[in-house]
N, C-alpha and C. Protein backbone atom coordinates (compact mmCIF):
# COMPACT_ATOMS: atom_id res chain seq x y z
N MET A 1 -21.62 12.77 -21.27
CA MET A 1 -20.86 13.97 -21.03
C MET A 1 -20.93 14.84 -22.29
N ARG A 2 -20.88 16.13 -22.07
CA ARG A 2 -20.93 17.08 -23.18
C ARG A 2 -19.68 17.96 -23.16
N LEU A 3 -19.16 18.18 -24.35
CA LEU A 3 -18.05 19.11 -24.51
C LEU A 3 -18.64 20.47 -24.84
N THR A 4 -18.68 21.35 -23.86
CA THR A 4 -19.34 22.64 -24.04
C THR A 4 -18.38 23.80 -24.15
N HIS A 5 -17.10 23.57 -23.89
CA HIS A 5 -16.14 24.68 -23.98
C HIS A 5 -14.76 24.13 -24.36
N VAL A 6 -14.12 24.81 -25.29
CA VAL A 6 -12.75 24.50 -25.68
C VAL A 6 -11.92 25.74 -25.37
N GLU A 7 -10.86 25.58 -24.62
CA GLU A 7 -10.03 26.72 -24.26
C GLU A 7 -9.25 27.21 -25.50
N PRO A 8 -9.52 28.43 -25.95
CA PRO A 8 -8.86 28.93 -27.17
C PRO A 8 -7.34 29.01 -27.06
N TRP A 9 -6.81 29.30 -25.88
CA TRP A 9 -5.36 29.40 -25.73
C TRP A 9 -4.70 28.05 -25.93
N SER A 10 -5.30 26.98 -25.42
CA SER A 10 -4.72 25.66 -25.61
C SER A 10 -4.83 25.22 -27.07
N VAL A 11 -5.92 25.60 -27.74
CA VAL A 11 -6.06 25.30 -29.17
C VAL A 11 -4.99 26.05 -29.97
N THR A 12 -4.73 27.31 -29.59
CA THR A 12 -3.71 28.10 -30.27
C THR A 12 -2.34 27.47 -30.12
N ARG A 13 -2.00 27.07 -28.91
CA ARG A 13 -0.69 26.44 -28.69
C ARG A 13 -0.55 25.14 -29.45
N LEU A 14 -1.60 24.31 -29.42
CA LEU A 14 -1.54 23.03 -30.13
C LEU A 14 -1.45 23.23 -31.63
N ALA A 15 -2.22 24.15 -32.17
CA ALA A 15 -2.17 24.42 -33.61
C ALA A 15 -0.80 24.95 -34.02
N PHE A 16 -0.20 25.78 -33.19
CA PHE A 16 1.13 26.31 -33.50
C PHE A 16 2.16 25.19 -33.52
N VAL A 17 2.13 24.33 -32.52
CA VAL A 17 3.10 23.23 -32.45
C VAL A 17 2.93 22.27 -33.63
N VAL A 18 1.69 21.94 -33.97
CA VAL A 18 1.45 21.03 -35.09
C VAL A 18 1.90 21.66 -36.41
N SER A 19 1.61 22.95 -36.60
CA SER A 19 2.00 23.58 -37.85
C SER A 19 3.51 23.77 -37.96
N VAL A 20 4.20 23.99 -36.85
CA VAL A 20 5.67 24.05 -36.90
C VAL A 20 6.23 22.67 -37.22
N ALA A 21 5.64 21.63 -36.67
CA ALA A 21 6.08 20.27 -37.00
C ALA A 21 5.88 19.98 -38.48
N LEU A 22 4.74 20.41 -39.04
CA LEU A 22 4.51 20.23 -40.47
C LEU A 22 5.49 21.05 -41.30
N MET A 23 5.89 22.20 -40.79
CA MET A 23 6.89 23.03 -41.47
C MET A 23 8.22 22.29 -41.55
N ILE A 24 8.64 21.69 -40.46
CA ILE A 24 9.89 20.94 -40.44
C ILE A 24 9.82 19.75 -41.39
N VAL A 25 8.70 19.04 -41.36
CA VAL A 25 8.52 17.87 -42.23
C VAL A 25 8.57 18.29 -43.70
N SER A 26 7.92 19.39 -44.04
CA SER A 26 7.90 19.80 -45.44
C SER A 26 9.27 20.26 -45.92
N VAL A 27 10.03 20.94 -45.08
CA VAL A 27 11.39 21.35 -45.49
C VAL A 27 12.28 20.13 -45.69
N VAL A 28 12.19 19.17 -44.79
CA VAL A 28 12.99 17.95 -44.93
C VAL A 28 12.56 17.17 -46.17
N ALA A 29 11.25 17.10 -46.43
CA ALA A 29 10.76 16.36 -47.59
C ALA A 29 11.21 17.01 -48.90
N VAL A 30 11.15 18.33 -48.99
CA VAL A 30 11.60 19.03 -50.20
C VAL A 30 13.10 18.83 -50.40
N THR A 31 13.86 18.89 -49.32
CA THR A 31 15.31 18.69 -49.42
C THR A 31 15.63 17.28 -49.91
N ILE A 32 15.00 16.28 -49.32
CA ILE A 32 15.25 14.90 -49.74
C ILE A 32 14.82 14.69 -51.19
N PHE A 33 13.67 15.24 -51.56
CA PHE A 33 13.18 15.09 -52.94
C PHE A 33 14.16 15.72 -53.93
N TRP A 34 14.68 16.91 -53.62
CA TRP A 34 15.62 17.58 -54.52
C TRP A 34 16.92 16.77 -54.62
N VAL A 35 17.42 16.27 -53.51
CA VAL A 35 18.66 15.49 -53.53
C VAL A 35 18.48 14.21 -54.33
N VAL A 36 17.34 13.55 -54.18
CA VAL A 36 17.08 12.32 -54.94
C VAL A 36 17.03 12.63 -56.44
N LEU A 37 16.37 13.74 -56.81
CA LEU A 37 16.34 14.11 -58.22
C LEU A 37 17.74 14.43 -58.74
N ASP A 38 18.56 15.03 -57.91
CA ASP A 38 19.94 15.34 -58.31
C ASP A 38 20.77 14.07 -58.47
N LEU A 39 20.63 13.14 -57.53
CA LEU A 39 21.42 11.90 -57.59
C LEU A 39 21.02 11.01 -58.77
N THR A 40 19.76 11.05 -59.14
CA THR A 40 19.31 10.22 -60.26
C THR A 40 19.57 10.86 -61.62
N GLY A 41 20.01 12.09 -61.63
CA GLY A 41 20.35 12.76 -62.89
C GLY A 41 19.18 13.39 -63.61
N ILE A 42 18.09 13.57 -62.92
CA ILE A 42 16.90 14.17 -63.54
C ILE A 42 17.18 15.60 -63.99
N TRP A 43 17.92 16.36 -63.19
CA TRP A 43 18.20 17.76 -63.54
C TRP A 43 19.00 17.84 -64.84
N ASP A 44 19.97 16.94 -65.01
CA ASP A 44 20.76 16.94 -66.25
C ASP A 44 19.90 16.58 -67.45
N GLN A 45 19.01 15.61 -67.28
CA GLN A 45 18.12 15.23 -68.37
C GLN A 45 17.17 16.37 -68.73
N LEU A 46 16.65 17.05 -67.72
CA LEU A 46 15.77 18.18 -67.99
C LEU A 46 16.52 19.33 -68.66
N ASN A 47 17.76 19.57 -68.26
CA ASN A 47 18.57 20.60 -68.91
C ASN A 47 18.79 20.27 -70.38
N GLY A 48 19.07 18.99 -70.68
CA GLY A 48 19.26 18.57 -72.06
C GLY A 48 17.99 18.70 -72.88
N THR A 49 16.87 18.35 -72.28
CA THR A 49 15.59 18.46 -72.97
C THR A 49 15.25 19.91 -73.28
N VAL A 50 15.44 20.79 -72.31
CA VAL A 50 15.14 22.21 -72.53
C VAL A 50 16.08 22.80 -73.57
N SER A 51 17.34 22.41 -73.53
CA SER A 51 18.29 22.89 -74.53
C SER A 51 17.91 22.43 -75.93
N ASN A 52 17.43 21.17 -76.05
CA ASN A 52 16.99 20.67 -77.36
C ASN A 52 15.75 21.42 -77.85
N VAL A 53 14.83 21.69 -76.95
CA VAL A 53 13.61 22.39 -77.33
C VAL A 53 13.93 23.82 -77.76
N LEU A 54 14.83 24.45 -77.06
CA LEU A 54 15.20 25.83 -77.39
C LEU A 54 16.20 25.91 -78.53
N SER A 55 16.67 24.76 -79.00
CA SER A 55 17.69 24.67 -80.06
C SER A 55 18.92 25.47 -79.69
N ASP A 56 19.31 25.35 -78.45
CA ASP A 56 20.48 26.07 -77.94
C ASP A 56 21.65 25.09 -77.91
N SER A 57 22.56 25.24 -78.87
CA SER A 57 23.69 24.31 -78.94
C SER A 57 24.76 24.65 -77.91
N ALA A 58 24.75 25.84 -77.36
CA ALA A 58 25.77 26.23 -76.37
C ALA A 58 25.55 25.50 -75.05
N GLY A 59 24.34 25.10 -74.78
CA GLY A 59 24.07 24.36 -73.54
C GLY A 59 24.23 25.23 -72.31
N SER A 60 23.91 26.50 -72.43
CA SER A 60 24.12 27.41 -71.31
C SER A 60 22.94 27.41 -70.34
N PHE A 61 21.85 26.75 -70.68
CA PHE A 61 20.70 26.72 -69.80
C PHE A 61 20.92 25.71 -68.68
N ASP A 62 20.66 26.13 -67.44
CA ASP A 62 20.77 25.24 -66.29
C ASP A 62 19.54 25.43 -65.42
N LEU A 63 18.72 24.40 -65.34
CA LEU A 63 17.48 24.47 -64.59
C LEU A 63 17.72 24.68 -63.10
N THR A 64 18.84 24.21 -62.60
CA THR A 64 19.11 24.37 -61.18
C THR A 64 19.43 25.83 -60.81
N ASP A 65 19.66 26.69 -61.82
CA ASP A 65 19.77 28.12 -61.52
C ASP A 65 18.43 28.67 -61.05
N TYR A 66 17.35 28.08 -61.54
CA TYR A 66 16.01 28.52 -61.18
C TYR A 66 15.40 27.68 -60.07
N LEU A 67 15.72 26.40 -60.06
CA LEU A 67 15.18 25.47 -59.07
C LEU A 67 16.29 24.85 -58.24
N GLY A 68 17.20 25.67 -57.77
CA GLY A 68 18.30 25.17 -56.94
C GLY A 68 17.80 24.78 -55.55
N LEU A 69 18.63 24.05 -54.85
CA LEU A 69 18.26 23.57 -53.52
C LEU A 69 17.99 24.72 -52.58
N GLY A 70 18.86 25.72 -52.58
CA GLY A 70 18.67 26.85 -51.69
C GLY A 70 17.39 27.62 -51.97
N ARG A 71 17.09 27.81 -53.24
CA ARG A 71 15.89 28.55 -53.61
C ARG A 71 14.63 27.77 -53.24
N LEU A 72 14.62 26.46 -53.50
CA LEU A 72 13.44 25.67 -53.17
C LEU A 72 13.22 25.56 -51.66
N VAL A 73 14.30 25.40 -50.91
CA VAL A 73 14.16 25.33 -49.46
C VAL A 73 13.71 26.68 -48.92
N GLY A 74 14.23 27.77 -49.49
CA GLY A 74 13.80 29.10 -49.07
C GLY A 74 12.32 29.34 -49.34
N LEU A 75 11.86 28.96 -50.52
CA LEU A 75 10.44 29.10 -50.84
C LEU A 75 9.57 28.22 -49.95
N THR A 76 10.05 27.03 -49.65
CA THR A 76 9.32 26.15 -48.75
C THR A 76 9.23 26.76 -47.36
N LEU A 77 10.30 27.38 -46.90
CA LEU A 77 10.27 28.03 -45.59
C LEU A 77 9.30 29.20 -45.57
N ILE A 78 9.27 29.98 -46.64
CA ILE A 78 8.35 31.11 -46.70
C ILE A 78 6.90 30.64 -46.69
N PHE A 79 6.58 29.67 -47.56
CA PHE A 79 5.21 29.15 -47.60
C PHE A 79 4.83 28.48 -46.28
N SER A 80 5.78 27.79 -45.68
CA SER A 80 5.50 27.13 -44.41
C SER A 80 5.28 28.13 -43.29
N ALA A 81 6.02 29.22 -43.30
CA ALA A 81 5.83 30.25 -42.27
C ALA A 81 4.45 30.89 -42.40
N VAL A 82 4.03 31.13 -43.64
CA VAL A 82 2.68 31.65 -43.86
C VAL A 82 1.65 30.63 -43.39
N ASN A 83 1.91 29.37 -43.65
CA ASN A 83 1.01 28.31 -43.22
C ASN A 83 0.91 28.24 -41.70
N VAL A 84 2.03 28.43 -40.99
CA VAL A 84 2.02 28.43 -39.53
C VAL A 84 1.10 29.53 -39.01
N VAL A 85 1.24 30.72 -39.56
CA VAL A 85 0.42 31.84 -39.11
C VAL A 85 -1.06 31.58 -39.42
N LEU A 86 -1.34 31.14 -40.64
CA LEU A 86 -2.74 30.91 -41.02
C LEU A 86 -3.39 29.77 -40.23
N MET A 87 -2.67 28.66 -40.06
CA MET A 87 -3.24 27.53 -39.32
C MET A 87 -3.52 27.90 -37.87
N THR A 88 -2.59 28.65 -37.26
CA THR A 88 -2.78 29.05 -35.88
C THR A 88 -3.97 29.99 -35.74
N ALA A 89 -4.06 30.96 -36.64
CA ALA A 89 -5.18 31.91 -36.58
C ALA A 89 -6.51 31.22 -36.85
N ILE A 90 -6.57 30.37 -37.85
CA ILE A 90 -7.82 29.69 -38.19
C ILE A 90 -8.27 28.75 -37.07
N ALA A 91 -7.32 28.06 -36.44
CA ALA A 91 -7.68 27.17 -35.34
C ALA A 91 -8.21 27.96 -34.14
N THR A 92 -7.61 29.11 -33.87
CA THR A 92 -8.08 29.93 -32.76
C THR A 92 -9.48 30.48 -33.04
N ILE A 93 -9.70 30.94 -34.25
CA ILE A 93 -11.03 31.44 -34.62
C ILE A 93 -12.05 30.30 -34.56
N ALA A 94 -11.65 29.11 -34.99
CA ALA A 94 -12.56 27.96 -34.94
C ALA A 94 -12.91 27.59 -33.50
N ALA A 95 -11.95 27.71 -32.58
CA ALA A 95 -12.24 27.42 -31.17
C ALA A 95 -13.25 28.42 -30.62
N HIS A 96 -13.09 29.69 -30.95
CA HIS A 96 -14.06 30.69 -30.50
C HIS A 96 -15.44 30.44 -31.11
N LEU A 97 -15.47 30.09 -32.38
CA LEU A 97 -16.75 29.80 -33.02
C LEU A 97 -17.41 28.56 -32.42
N TYR A 98 -16.61 27.57 -32.09
CA TYR A 98 -17.18 26.38 -31.44
C TYR A 98 -17.79 26.75 -30.09
N ASN A 99 -17.08 27.57 -29.32
CA ASN A 99 -17.60 27.96 -28.02
C ASN A 99 -18.92 28.72 -28.16
N LEU A 100 -19.02 29.58 -29.17
CA LEU A 100 -20.28 30.29 -29.39
C LEU A 100 -21.40 29.33 -29.79
N ALA A 101 -21.09 28.41 -30.68
CA ALA A 101 -22.10 27.43 -31.11
C ALA A 101 -22.48 26.51 -29.96
N ALA A 102 -21.53 26.15 -29.11
CA ALA A 102 -21.83 25.27 -27.98
C ALA A 102 -22.72 25.96 -26.96
N GLN A 103 -22.59 27.27 -26.82
CA GLN A 103 -23.49 28.00 -25.92
C GLN A 103 -24.92 27.96 -26.43
N LEU A 104 -25.07 28.02 -27.73
CA LEU A 104 -26.41 28.00 -28.30
C LEU A 104 -27.01 26.61 -28.37
N LEU A 105 -26.20 25.63 -28.74
CA LEU A 105 -26.71 24.29 -29.03
C LEU A 105 -26.41 23.26 -27.95
N GLY A 106 -25.55 23.58 -27.02
CA GLY A 106 -25.27 22.65 -25.93
C GLY A 106 -24.00 21.83 -26.08
N GLY A 107 -23.29 21.97 -27.17
CA GLY A 107 -22.03 21.27 -27.33
C GLY A 107 -22.17 19.90 -27.97
N ILE A 108 -21.08 19.15 -27.94
CA ILE A 108 -21.03 17.81 -28.53
C ILE A 108 -21.11 16.79 -27.40
N GLU A 109 -21.94 15.81 -27.61
CA GLU A 109 -22.06 14.75 -26.61
C GLU A 109 -21.00 13.68 -26.89
N VAL A 110 -20.22 13.37 -25.87
CA VAL A 110 -19.17 12.36 -26.00
C VAL A 110 -19.38 11.29 -24.93
N THR A 111 -18.93 10.09 -25.25
CA THR A 111 -19.05 8.98 -24.33
C THR A 111 -17.66 8.40 -24.11
N PHE A 112 -17.29 8.23 -22.85
CA PHE A 112 -16.01 7.64 -22.49
C PHE A 112 -16.26 6.29 -21.86
N THR A 113 -15.40 5.32 -22.18
CA THR A 113 -15.52 3.99 -21.58
C THR A 113 -14.22 3.64 -20.90
N ASP A 114 -14.30 2.75 -19.95
CA ASP A 114 -13.14 2.28 -19.24
C ASP A 114 -12.94 0.80 -19.58
N HIS A 115 -11.80 0.50 -20.21
CA HIS A 115 -11.54 -0.89 -20.61
C HIS A 115 -10.69 -1.56 -19.60
């Protein structure tokens, strides 16, 4: 059997669903990573290290002002939304390109077995 045509609309829908799932996974992963760093005290240690390097005895520097949970999750959402659009568009273009190549070359030969 030969695979000579891939429906671009079904590829678009599948790519969109997969990229939205990856978006959810990445937001959850960033949130868990940030919470783990907060619970282990890494942010406090980094604040102390930066204060020592800057020779700031007031201790007014707080890294979480720049890398807070809300800011990191927001940036992750923005990058993930861009990723959803790009992955969906690239997958759709790839489906069209495959269909063009399959018309010229005959497609991919696949073998199915029944166990």
